[in-house]
């Protein structure tokens, strides 16, 4: 961690299941399911954030395996009959969230936070894959949204032709939001598939991203994001192994291997003292 930062939270995923003090499965707060990560009120629900997605959220797809948290996408045959939202789903996905359990505000004056984790993002044929480690407001309002690490197989359109890792800060009024973003194209080609250490610094002045402790990009308050839109509130984690509805996994130009998994070995949170 940067000088002056001390460890305030860690999860090594070393039990038989997720630590319920840290995580709830899916998109709801498991102590009170009426509290939840904000989904699209028109077409979303606890099973699906919005119709941009194509995998129905099932608890079985979020589990601990030999000290690794795994979130999984699967083919479902026969398909799932979703209850909220309703519909027929040929895939299922895995999510976890830390709403009302683990949250922080890196923009506190004189403070700052640094997140680091060891993770294995999906590799191989990943056309339909939409993996993300992101943050939502503890207030259950939206925006802002911070996409710390967001991995797309083909970013909604096969014409892109390459996978990419993005980091984004989404801000603005509901219905007219803007995203300040940076992208790493050809992610599998640039960063060898497998386990890497991913870091992210959030302060009042900037956000900085690292892979294997090498800086790979940043966003600056007042430059990339207007200073009055810079996130300045408690935010909680969302861990997502999702799928893009617009990508056809059966098309050879968009092929996707199933099951596909996001693995996380450990996560840490540091705070400036």
C-alpha atoms as a PDB file:
ATOM      1  CA  UNK A   1       0.000   0.000   0.000  1.00  0.00           C
ATOM      2  CA  UNK A   2       1.135   3.612  -0.373  1.00  0.00           C
ATOM      3  CA  UNK A   3       3.187   5.089   2.499  1.00  0.00           C
ATOM      4  CA  UNK A   4       1.019   6.121   5.431  1.00  0.00           C
ATOM      5  CA  UNK A   5      -1.772   3.636   4.661  1.00  0.00           C
ATOM      6  CA  UNK A   6      -2.743   0.905   7.122  1.00  0.00           C
ATOM      7  CA  UNK A   7      -4.744  -2.294   6.655  1.00  0.00           C
ATOM      8  CA  UNK A   8      -8.340  -1.918   7.871  1.00  0.00           C
ATOM      9  CA  UNK A   9     -10.055  -4.936   6.265  1.00  0.00           C
ATOM     10  CA  UNK A  10      -9.110  -8.221   4.621  1.00  0.00           C
ATOM     11  CA  UNK A  11     -10.896 -11.301   3.306  1.00  0.00           C
ATOM     12  CA  UNK A  12      -8.895 -14.430   2.417  1.00  0.00           C
ATOM     13  CA  UNK A  13     -11.961 -16.540   1.526  1.00  0.00           C
ATOM     14  CA  UNK A  14     -10.553 -19.356   3.654  1.00  0.00           C
ATOM     15  CA  UNK A  15     -13.829 -20.741   5.022  1.00  0.00           C
ATOM     16  CA  UNK A  16     -16.283 -23.182   3.510  1.00  0.00           C
ATOM     17  CA  UNK A  17     -18.506 -20.365   2.274  1.00  0.00           C
ATOM     18  CA  UNK A  18     -18.534 -16.595   1.870  1.00  0.00           C
ATOM     19  CA  UNK A  19     -18.082 -14.604   5.085  1.00  0.00           C
ATOM     20  CA  UNK A  20     -21.571 -13.252   5.740  1.00  0.00           C
ATOM     21  CA  UNK A  21     -20.082 -10.416   7.813  1.00  0.00           C
ATOM     22  CA  UNK A  22     -18.551  -9.134   4.572  1.00  0.00           C
ATOM     23  CA  UNK A  23     -20.805 -10.291   1.745  1.00  0.00           C
ATOM     24  CA  UNK A  24     -24.354 -10.992   0.660  1.00  0.00           C
ATOM     25  CA  UNK A  25     -24.993 -13.240  -2.321  1.00  0.00           C
ATOM     26  CA  UNK A  26     -26.564 -11.655  -5.360  1.00  0.00           C
ATOM     27  CA  UNK A  27     -27.772  -8.054  -5.474  1.00  0.00           C
ATOM     28  CA  UNK A  28     -29.731  -7.783  -2.209  1.00  0.00           C
ATOM     29  CA  UNK A  29     -28.675  -7.107   1.378  1.00  0.00           C
ATOM     30  CA  UNK A  30     -29.256 -10.500   2.977  1.00  0.00           C
ATOM     31  CA  UNK A  31     -30.262  -9.100   6.383  1.00  0.00           C
ATOM     32  CA  UNK A  32     -33.133  -7.179   4.750  1.00  0.00           C
ATOM     33  CA  UNK A  33     -33.748  -8.048   1.061  1.00  0.00           C
ATOM     34  CA  UNK A  34     -35.823  -4.893   0.589  1.00  0.00           C
ATOM     35  CA  UNK A  35     -32.453  -3.110   0.586  1.00  0.00           C
ATOM     36  CA  UNK A  36     -30.392  -3.810  -2.482  1.00  0.00           C
ATOM     37  CA  UNK A  37     -28.025  -2.721  -5.211  1.00  0.00           C
ATOM     38  CA  UNK A  38     -29.974  -0.450  -7.544  1.00  0.00           C
ATOM     39  CA  UNK A  39     -31.261  -2.299 -10.606  1.00  0.00           C
ATOM     40  CA  UNK A  40     -33.154  -0.837 -13.536  1.00  0.00           C
ATOM     41  CA  UNK A  41     -36.652  -0.208 -12.105  1.00  0.00           C
ATOM     42  CA  UNK A  42     -38.264  -0.761 -15.510  1.00  0.00           C
ATOM     43  CA  UNK A  43     -36.820  -4.151 -16.449  1.00  0.00           C
ATOM     44  CA  UNK A  44     -34.498  -5.303 -13.634  1.00  0.00           C
ATOM     45  CA  UNK A  45     -34.810  -7.099 -10.331  1.00  0.00           C
ATOM     46  CA  UNK A  46     -32.800  -9.342  -7.987  1.00  0.00           C
ATOM     47  CA  UNK A  47     -32.336 -11.817 -10.849  1.00  0.00           C
ATOM     48  CA  UNK A  48     -31.054  -9.320 -13.439  1.00  0.00           C
ATOM     49  CA  UNK A  49     -29.676  -5.788 -13.192  1.00  0.00           C
ATOM     50  CA  UNK A  50     -31.207  -4.803 -16.544  1.00  0.00           C
ATOM     51  CA  UNK A  51     -31.922  -6.208 -19.982  1.00  0.00           C
ATOM     52  CA  UNK A  52     -28.353  -5.378 -21.003  1.00  0.00           C
ATOM     53  CA  UNK A  53     -27.546  -8.603 -19.130  1.00  0.00           C
ATOM     54  CA  UNK A  54     -28.315 -12.172 -20.107  1.00  0.00           C
ATOM     55  CA  UNK A  55     -27.511 -14.395 -17.094  1.00  0.00           C
ATOM     56  CA  UNK A  56     -30.096 -14.841 -14.345  1.00  0.00           C
ATOM     57  CA  UNK A  57     -28.531 -14.439 -10.919  1.00  0.00           C
ATOM     58  CA  UNK A  58     -28.486 -17.701  -8.931  1.00  0.00           C
ATOM     59  CA  UNK A  59     -26.947 -18.241  -5.493  1.00  0.00           C
ATOM     60  CA  UNK A  60     -25.273 -21.481  -6.624  1.00  0.00           C
ATOM     61  CA  UNK A  61     -22.917 -19.451  -8.820  1.00  0.00           C
ATOM     62  CA  UNK A  62     -21.254 -17.654  -5.880  1.00  0.00           C
ATOM     63  CA  UNK A  63     -19.186 -20.027  -3.761  1.00  0.00           C
ATOM     64  CA  UNK A  64     -15.799 -20.653  -2.112  1.00  0.00           C
ATOM     65  CA  UNK A  65     -13.596 -23.374  -3.597  1.00  0.00           C
ATOM     66  CA  UNK A  66     -10.336 -24.281  -1.804  1.00  0.00           C
ATOM     67  CA  UNK A  67      -9.752 -20.760  -0.512  1.00  0.00           C
ATOM     68  CA  UNK A  68     -10.860 -19.020  -3.709  1.00  0.00           C
ATOM     69  CA  UNK A  69     -14.068 -17.029  -4.093  1.00  0.00           C
ATOM     70  CA  UNK A  70     -15.544 -18.067  -7.437  1.00  0.00           C
ATOM     71  CA  UNK A  71     -18.338 -16.390  -9.374  1.00  0.00           C
ATOM     72  CA  UNK A  72     -19.593 -18.350 -12.353  1.00  0.00           C
ATOM     73  CA  UNK A  73     -21.587 -18.090 -15.590  1.00  0.00           C
ATOM     74  CA  UNK A  74     -23.327 -21.289 -16.724  1.00  0.00           C
ATOM     75  CA  UNK A  75     -25.527 -22.562 -19.518  1.00  0.00           C
ATOM     76  CA  UNK A  76     -28.946 -23.617 -18.153  1.00  0.00           C
ATOM     77  CA  UNK A  77     -30.658 -26.509 -19.939  1.00  0.00           C
ATOM     78  CA  UNK A  78     -33.585 -26.574 -19.471  1.00  0.00           C
ATOM     79  CA  UNK A  79     -33.700 -22.773 -19.278  1.00  0.00           C
ATOM     80  CA  UNK A  80     -34.621 -20.874 -16.126  1.00  0.00           C
ATOM     81  CA  UNK A  81     -38.056 -19.328 -15.724  1.00  0.00           C
ATOM     82  CA  UNK A  82     -37.239 -16.084 -13.968  1.00  0.00           C
ATOM     83  CA  UNK A  83     -39.564 -14.662 -11.321  1.00  0.00           C
ATOM     84  CA  UNK A  84     -38.158 -11.105 -10.924  1.00  0.00           C
ATOM     85  CA  UNK A  85     -37.791 -10.085 -13.632  1.00  0.00           C
ATOM     86  CA  UNK A  86     -39.958 -12.651 -15.363  1.00  0.00           C
ATOM     87  CA  UNK A  87     -38.748 -14.352 -18.504  1.00  0.00           C
ATOM     88  CA  UNK A  88     -36.891 -17.337 -19.907  1.00  0.00           C
ATOM     89  CA  UNK A  89     -33.137 -17.388 -19.357  1.00  0.00           C
ATOM     90  CA  UNK A  90     -30.665 -19.759 -20.993  1.00  0.00           C
ATOM     91  CA  UNK A  91     -27.776 -18.700 -18.763  1.00  0.00           C
ATOM     92  CA  UNK A  92     -27.161 -18.077 -15.072  1.00  0.00           C
ATOM     93  CA  UNK A  93     -24.624 -15.768 -13.411  1.00  0.00           C
ATOM     94  CA  UNK A  94     -23.031 -15.115 -10.015  1.00  0.00           C
ATOM     95  CA  UNK A  95     -22.862 -11.962  -7.893  1.00  0.00           C
ATOM     96  CA  UNK A  96     -21.901 -10.832  -4.400  1.00  0.00           C
ATOM     97  CA  UNK A  97     -22.150  -7.432  -2.728  1.00  0.00           C
ATOM     98  CA  UNK A  98     -20.909  -5.778   0.475  1.00  0.00           C
ATOM     99  CA  UNK A  99     -23.780  -3.293   0.858  1.00  0.00           C
ATOM    100  CA  UNK A 100     -24.172  -2.182   4.520  1.00  0.00           C
ATOM    101  CA  UNK A 101     -21.276  -4.488   5.496  1.00  0.00           C
ATOM    102  CA  UNK A 102     -18.025  -3.242   3.931  1.00  0.00           C
ATOM    103  CA  UNK A 103     -18.020   0.322   2.628  1.00  0.00           C
ATOM    104  CA  UNK A 104     -15.787   3.398   2.594  1.00  0.00           C
ATOM    105  CA  UNK A 105     -15.281   6.876   1.152  1.00  0.00           C
ATOM    106  CA  UNK A 106     -11.831   7.542  -0.274  1.00  0.00           C
ATOM    107  CA  UNK A 107     -12.667  11.233  -0.779  1.00  0.00           C
ATOM    108  CA  UNK A 108     -12.830  12.078   2.917  1.00  0.00           C
ATOM    109  CA  UNK A 109     -10.684  15.145   3.512  1.00  0.00           C
ATOM    110  CA  UNK A 110      -7.225  14.141   4.645  1.00  0.00           C
ATOM    111  CA  UNK A 111      -7.943  10.468   4.044  1.00  0.00           C
ATOM    112  CA  UNK A 112      -7.801   8.031   1.133  1.00  0.00           C
ATOM    113  CA  UNK A 113      -8.252   4.312   0.494  1.00  0.00           C
ATOM    114  CA  UNK A 114      -6.292   1.663  -1.377  1.00  0.00           C
ATOM    115  CA  UNK A 115      -7.866  -1.624  -2.509  1.00  0.00           C
ATOM    116  CA  UNK A 116      -5.763  -4.580  -3.585  1.00  0.00           C
ATOM    117  CA  UNK A 117      -6.815  -8.081  -4.606  1.00  0.00           C
ATOM    118  CA  UNK A 118      -5.432 -11.161  -6.299  1.00  0.00           C
ATOM    119  CA  UNK A 119      -7.759 -12.270  -9.068  1.00  0.00           C
ATOM    120  CA  UNK A 120      -8.020 -14.503 -12.119  1.00  0.00           C
ATOM    121  CA  UNK A 121     -10.305 -13.010 -14.775  1.00  0.00           C
ATOM    122  CA  UNK A 122     -11.902 -15.296 -17.402  1.00  0.00           C
ATOM    123  CA  UNK A 123      -9.758 -16.138 -20.423  1.00  0.00           C
ATOM    124  CA  UNK A 124     -10.045 -18.083 -23.657  1.00  0.00           C
ATOM    125  CA  UNK A 125     -13.231 -17.552 -25.671  1.00  0.00           C
ATOM    126  CA  UNK A 126     -14.962 -14.811 -23.689  1.00  0.00           C
ATOM    127  CA  UNK A 127     -17.127 -12.988 -26.273  1.00  0.00           C
ATOM    128  CA  UNK A 128     -20.219 -12.762 -24.057  1.00  0.00           C
ATOM    129  CA  UNK A 129     -18.445 -12.299 -20.714  1.00  0.00           C
ATOM    130  CA  UNK A 130     -19.063  -9.178 -18.594  1.00  0.00           C
ATOM    131  CA  UNK A 131     -16.993  -9.418 -15.419  1.00  0.00           C
ATOM    132  CA  UNK A 132     -16.734  -6.538 -12.974  1.00  0.00           C
ATOM    133  CA  UNK A 133     -15.530  -5.426  -9.574  1.00  0.00           C
ATOM    134  CA  UNK A 134     -17.391  -2.190  -9.003  1.00  0.00           C
ATOM    135  CA  UNK A 135     -18.824   0.115  -6.342  1.00  0.00           C
ATOM    136  CA  UNK A 136     -22.284   1.494  -5.611  1.00  0.00           C
ATOM    137  CA  UNK A 137     -23.478   4.065  -3.067  1.00  0.00           C
ATOM    138  CA  UNK A 138     -24.204   2.844   0.431  1.00  0.00           C
ATOM    139  CA  UNK A 139     -27.265   5.128   0.241  1.00  0.00           C
ATOM    140  CA  UNK A 140     -28.796   2.760  -2.382  1.00  0.00           C
ATOM    141  CA  UNK A 141     -29.069   5.673  -4.788  1.00  0.00           C
ATOM    142  CA  UNK A 142     -27.472   5.871  -8.248  1.00  0.00           C
ATOM    143  CA  UNK A 143     -25.271   7.376  -9.602  1.00  0.00           C
ATOM    144  CA  UNK A 144     -22.365   7.668  -8.821  1.00  0.00           C
ATOM    145  CA  UNK A 145     -20.860   4.338  -9.795  1.00  0.00           C
ATOM    146  CA  UNK A 146     -17.188   3.394  -9.773  1.00  0.00           C
ATOM    147  CA  UNK A 147     -16.196   0.520 -12.052  1.00  0.00           C
ATOM    148  CA  UNK A 148     -12.848  -0.464 -10.567  1.00  0.00           C
ATOM    149  CA  UNK A 149     -12.136  -3.360 -12.928  1.00  0.00           C
ATOM    150  CA  UNK A 150     -14.661  -4.114 -15.662  1.00  0.00           C
ATOM    151  CA  UNK A 151     -13.799  -6.759 -18.244  1.00  0.00           C
ATOM    152  CA  UNK A 152     -15.696  -7.160 -21.531  1.00  0.00           C
ATOM    153  CA  UNK A 153     -15.291  -9.958 -24.033  1.00  0.00           C
ATOM    154  CA  UNK A 154     -16.568  -7.934 -27.017  1.00  0.00           C
ATOM    155  CA  UNK A 155     -18.096  -4.807 -25.383  1.00  0.00           C
ATOM    156  CA  UNK A 156     -21.654  -5.315 -26.691  1.00  0.00           C
ATOM    157  CA  UNK A 157     -20.637  -5.428 -30.360  1.00  0.00           C
ATOM    158  CA  UNK A 158     -18.638  -8.085 -32.256  1.00  0.00           C
ATOM    159  CA  UNK A 159     -17.224  -5.348 -34.479  1.00  0.00           C
ATOM    160  CA  UNK A 160     -14.905  -4.386 -31.616  1.00  0.00           C
ATOM    161  CA  UNK A 161     -13.151  -7.695 -32.174  1.00  0.00           C
ATOM    162  CA  UNK A 162     -10.989  -7.558 -29.028  1.00  0.00           C
ATOM    163  CA  UNK A 163     -11.460  -7.978 -25.319  1.00  0.00           C
ATOM    164  CA  UNK A 164     -10.897  -4.999 -23.061  1.00  0.00           C
ATOM    165  CA  UNK A 165     -10.544  -4.021 -19.427  1.00  0.00           C
ATOM    166  CA  UNK A 166     -12.106  -0.697 -18.452  1.00  0.00           C
ATOM    167  CA  UNK A 167     -12.229   1.498 -15.390  1.00  0.00           C
ATOM    168  CA  UNK A 168     -14.924   4.144 -15.165  1.00  0.00           C
ATOM    169  CA  UNK A 169     -16.542   6.743 -12.968  1.00  0.00           C
ATOM    170  CA  UNK A 170     -20.192   7.242 -13.887  1.00  0.00           C
ATOM    171  CA  UNK A 171     -21.847  10.463 -12.757  1.00  0.00           C
ATOM    172  CA  UNK A 172     -24.600  12.935 -13.557  1.00  0.00           C
ATOM    173  CA  UNK A 173     -28.380  13.003 -13.319  1.00  0.00           C
ATOM    174  CA  UNK A 174     -30.360   9.788 -13.720  1.00  0.00           C
ATOM    175  CA  UNK A 175     -31.275   9.339 -17.378  1.00  0.00           C
ATOM    176  CA  UNK A 176     -28.374  11.466 -18.598  1.00  0.00           C
ATOM    177  CA  UNK A 177     -25.256  10.054 -16.972  1.00  0.00           C
ATOM    178  CA  UNK A 178     -21.703  10.417 -18.249  1.00  0.00           C
ATOM    179  CA  UNK A 179     -18.783   8.018 -17.778  1.00  0.00           C
ATOM    180  CA  UNK A 180     -15.166   9.091 -17.500  1.00  0.00           C
ATOM    181  CA  UNK A 181     -13.311   5.984 -18.617  1.00  0.00           C
ATOM    182  CA  UNK A 182      -9.989   4.487 -19.620  1.00  0.00           C
ATOM    183  CA  UNK A 183      -9.513   1.202 -21.492  1.00  0.00           C
ATOM    184  CA  UNK A 184      -6.905  -1.529 -21.871  1.00  0.00           C
ATOM    185  CA  UNK A 185      -7.523  -3.209 -25.247  1.00  0.00           C
ATOM    186  CA  UNK A 186      -6.424  -6.787 -26.029  1.00  0.00           C
ATOM    187  CA  UNK A 187      -6.260  -7.484 -22.331  1.00  0.00           C
ATOM    188  CA  UNK A 188      -5.544 -11.213 -22.626  1.00  0.00           C
ATOM    189  CA  UNK A 189      -2.801 -10.573 -25.138  1.00  0.00           C
ATOM    190  CA  UNK A 190      -1.196  -7.783 -23.109  1.00  0.00           C
ATOM    191  CA  UNK A 191      -1.537  -9.417 -19.694  1.00  0.00           C
ATOM    192  CA  UNK A 192      -0.930 -13.147 -19.652  1.00  0.00           C
ATOM    193  CA  UNK A 193      -4.098 -15.020 -18.569  1.00  0.00           C
ATOM    194  CA  UNK A 194      -3.996 -16.201 -14.984  1.00  0.00           C
ATOM    195  CA  UNK A 195      -3.550 -14.688 -11.566  1.00  0.00           C
ATOM    196  CA  UNK A 196      -2.564 -11.041 -11.178  1.00  0.00           C
ATOM    197  CA  UNK A 197      -2.567  -8.503  -8.365  1.00  0.00           C
ATOM    198  CA  UNK A 198      -4.962  -5.625  -9.018  1.00  0.00           C
ATOM    199  CA  UNK A 199      -4.728  -2.350  -7.096  1.00  0.00           C
ATOM    200  CA  UNK A 200      -6.796   0.808  -6.946  1.00  0.00           C
ATOM    201  CA  UNK A 201      -6.175   4.072  -5.073  1.00  0.00           C
ATOM    202  CA  UNK A 202      -9.054   6.474  -4.336  1.00  0.00           C
ATOM    203  CA  UNK A 203      -8.362   9.900  -2.862  1.00  0.00           C
ATOM    204  CA  UNK A 204      -9.994  13.308  -2.991  1.00  0.00           C
ATOM    205  CA  UNK A 205      -7.608  14.283  -5.798  1.00  0.00           C
ATOM    206  CA  UNK A 206      -7.348  11.213  -8.034  1.00  0.00           C
ATOM    207  CA  UNK A 207      -7.899   7.515  -8.664  1.00  0.00           C
ATOM    208  CA  UNK A 208      -4.984   5.331  -9.769  1.00  0.00           C
ATOM    209  CA  UNK A 209      -5.070   1.749 -11.115  1.00  0.00           C
ATOM    210  CA  UNK A 210      -2.319  -0.876 -10.876  1.00  0.00           C
ATOM    211  CA  UNK A 211      -1.678  -4.366 -12.242  1.00  0.00           C
ATOM    212  CA  UNK A 212       1.011  -6.376 -10.474  1.00  0.00           C
ATOM    213  CA  UNK A 213       1.840  -3.129  -8.650  1.00  0.00           C
ATOM    214  CA  UNK A 214       2.650  -1.273 -11.855  1.00  0.00           C
ATOM    215  CA  UNK A 215       0.541   1.840 -12.546  1.00  0.00           C
ATOM    216  CA  UNK A 216      -1.620   1.391 -15.646  1.00  0.00           C
ATOM    217  CA  UNK A 217      -3.816   4.506 -15.552  1.00  0.00           C
ATOM    218  CA  UNK A 218      -5.562   7.213 -13.577  1.00  0.00           C
ATOM    219  CA  UNK A 219      -8.482   9.636 -13.431  1.00  0.00           C
ATOM    220  CA  UNK A 220      -8.008  13.094 -11.931  1.00  0.00           C
ATOM    221  CA  UNK A 221     -10.584  15.149 -10.044  1.00  0.00           C
ATOM    222  CA  UNK A 222     -11.359  18.343 -11.934  1.00  0.00           C
ATOM    223  CA  UNK A 223      -9.697  17.070 -15.124  1.00  0.00           C
ATOM    224  CA  UNK A 224     -11.327  13.769 -16.094  1.00  0.00           C
ATOM    225  CA  UNK A 225     -14.360  14.225 -13.826  1.00  0.00           C
ATOM    226  CA  UNK A 226     -15.857  17.627 -12.867  1.00  0.00           C
ATOM    227  CA  UNK A 227     -14.952  18.368  -9.268  1.00  0.00           C
ATOM    228  CA  UNK A 228     -18.630  18.628  -8.253  1.00  0.00           C
ATOM    229  CA  UNK A 229     -19.262  15.121  -9.666  1.00  0.00           C
ATOM    230  CA  UNK A 230     -16.272  13.390  -8.042  1.00  0.00           C
ATOM    231  CA  UNK A 231     -17.602  10.557  -5.826  1.00  0.00           C
ATOM    232  CA  UNK A 232     -17.617  11.688  -2.209  1.00  0.00           C
ATOM    233  CA  UNK A 233     -19.742   9.264  -0.220  1.00  0.00           C
ATOM    234  CA  UNK A 234     -19.603   5.787   1.257  1.00  0.00           C
ATOM    235  CA  UNK A 235     -19.494   3.120  -1.454  1.00  0.00           C
ATOM    236  CA  UNK A 236     -19.839  -0.681  -1.268  1.00  0.00           C
ATOM    237  CA  UNK A 237     -18.429  -3.443  -3.487  1.00  0.00           C
ATOM    238  CA  UNK A 238     -20.293  -5.425  -6.137  1.00  0.00           C
ATOM    239  CA  UNK A 239     -18.571  -8.531  -7.520  1.00  0.00           C
ATOM    240  CA  UNK A 240     -20.041  -9.611 -10.841  1.00  0.00           C
ATOM    241  CA  UNK A 241     -19.636 -12.499 -13.232  1.00  0.00           C
ATOM    242  CA  UNK A 242     -22.217 -11.527 -15.832  1.00  0.00           C
ATOM    243  CA  UNK A 243     -23.040 -11.832 -19.522  1.00  0.00           C
ATOM    244  CA  UNK A 244     -23.948  -9.341 -22.254  1.00  0.00           C
ATOM    245  CA  UNK A 245     -27.350  -9.905 -23.846  1.00  0.00           C
ATOM    246  CA  UNK A 246     -26.270  -8.413 -27.194  1.00  0.00           C
ATOM    247  CA  UNK A 247     -23.526 -11.005 -27.782  1.00  0.00           C
ATOM    248  CA  UNK A 248     -24.538 -14.361 -29.275  1.00  0.00           C
ATOM    249  CA  UNK A 249     -22.302 -17.043 -27.759  1.00  0.00           C
ATOM    250  CA  UNK A 250     -23.301 -19.477 -30.532  1.00  0.00           C
ATOM    251  CA  UNK A 251     -21.947 -17.209 -33.272  1.00  0.00           C
ATOM    252  CA  UNK A 252     -18.371 -18.178 -34.177  1.00  0.00           C
ATOM    253  CA  UNK A 253     -17.320 -14.515 -34.134  1.00  0.00           C
ATOM    254  CA  UNK A 254     -18.530 -14.143 -30.546  1.00  0.00           C
ATOM    255  CA  UNK A 255     -17.839 -17.602 -29.120  1.00  0.00           C
ATOM    256  CA  UNK A 256     -17.856 -18.062 -25.358  1.00  0.00           C
ATOM    257  CA  UNK A 257     -16.625 -20.967 -23.256  1.00  0.00           C
ATOM    258  CA  UNK A 258     -18.927 -22.182 -20.460  1.00  0.00           C
ATOM    259  CA  UNK A 259     -18.745 -22.331 -17.565  1.00  0.00           C
ATOM    260  CA  UNK A 260     -16.536 -19.258 -17.122  1.00  0.00           C
ATOM    261  CA  UNK A 261     -15.347 -18.057 -13.739  1.00  0.00           C
ATOM    262  CA  UNK A 262     -13.967 -15.014 -11.935  1.00  0.00           C
ATOM    263  CA  UNK A 263     -11.663 -16.191  -9.143  1.00  0.00           C
ATOM    264  CA  UNK A 264     -10.569 -14.000  -6.208  1.00  0.00           C
ATOM    265  CA  UNK A 265      -7.906 -15.294  -3.812  1.00  0.00           C
ATOM    266  CA  UNK A 266      -7.935 -12.372  -1.377  1.00  0.00           C
ATOM    267  CA  UNK A 267      -9.045  -8.748  -1.043  1.00  0.00           C
ATOM    268  CA  UNK A 268      -7.601  -6.010   1.152  1.00  0.00           C
ATOM    269  CA  UNK A 269      -8.574  -2.460   2.066  1.00  0.00           C
ATOM    270  CA  UNK A 270      -6.137   0.131   3.381  1.00  0.00           C
ATOM    271  CA  UNK A 271      -6.847   3.609   4.742  1.00  0.00           C
ATOM    272  CA  UNK A 272      -4.612   6.642   5.056  1.00  0.00           C
ATOM    273  CA  UNK A 273      -3.937   7.305   8.737  1.00  0.00           C
END
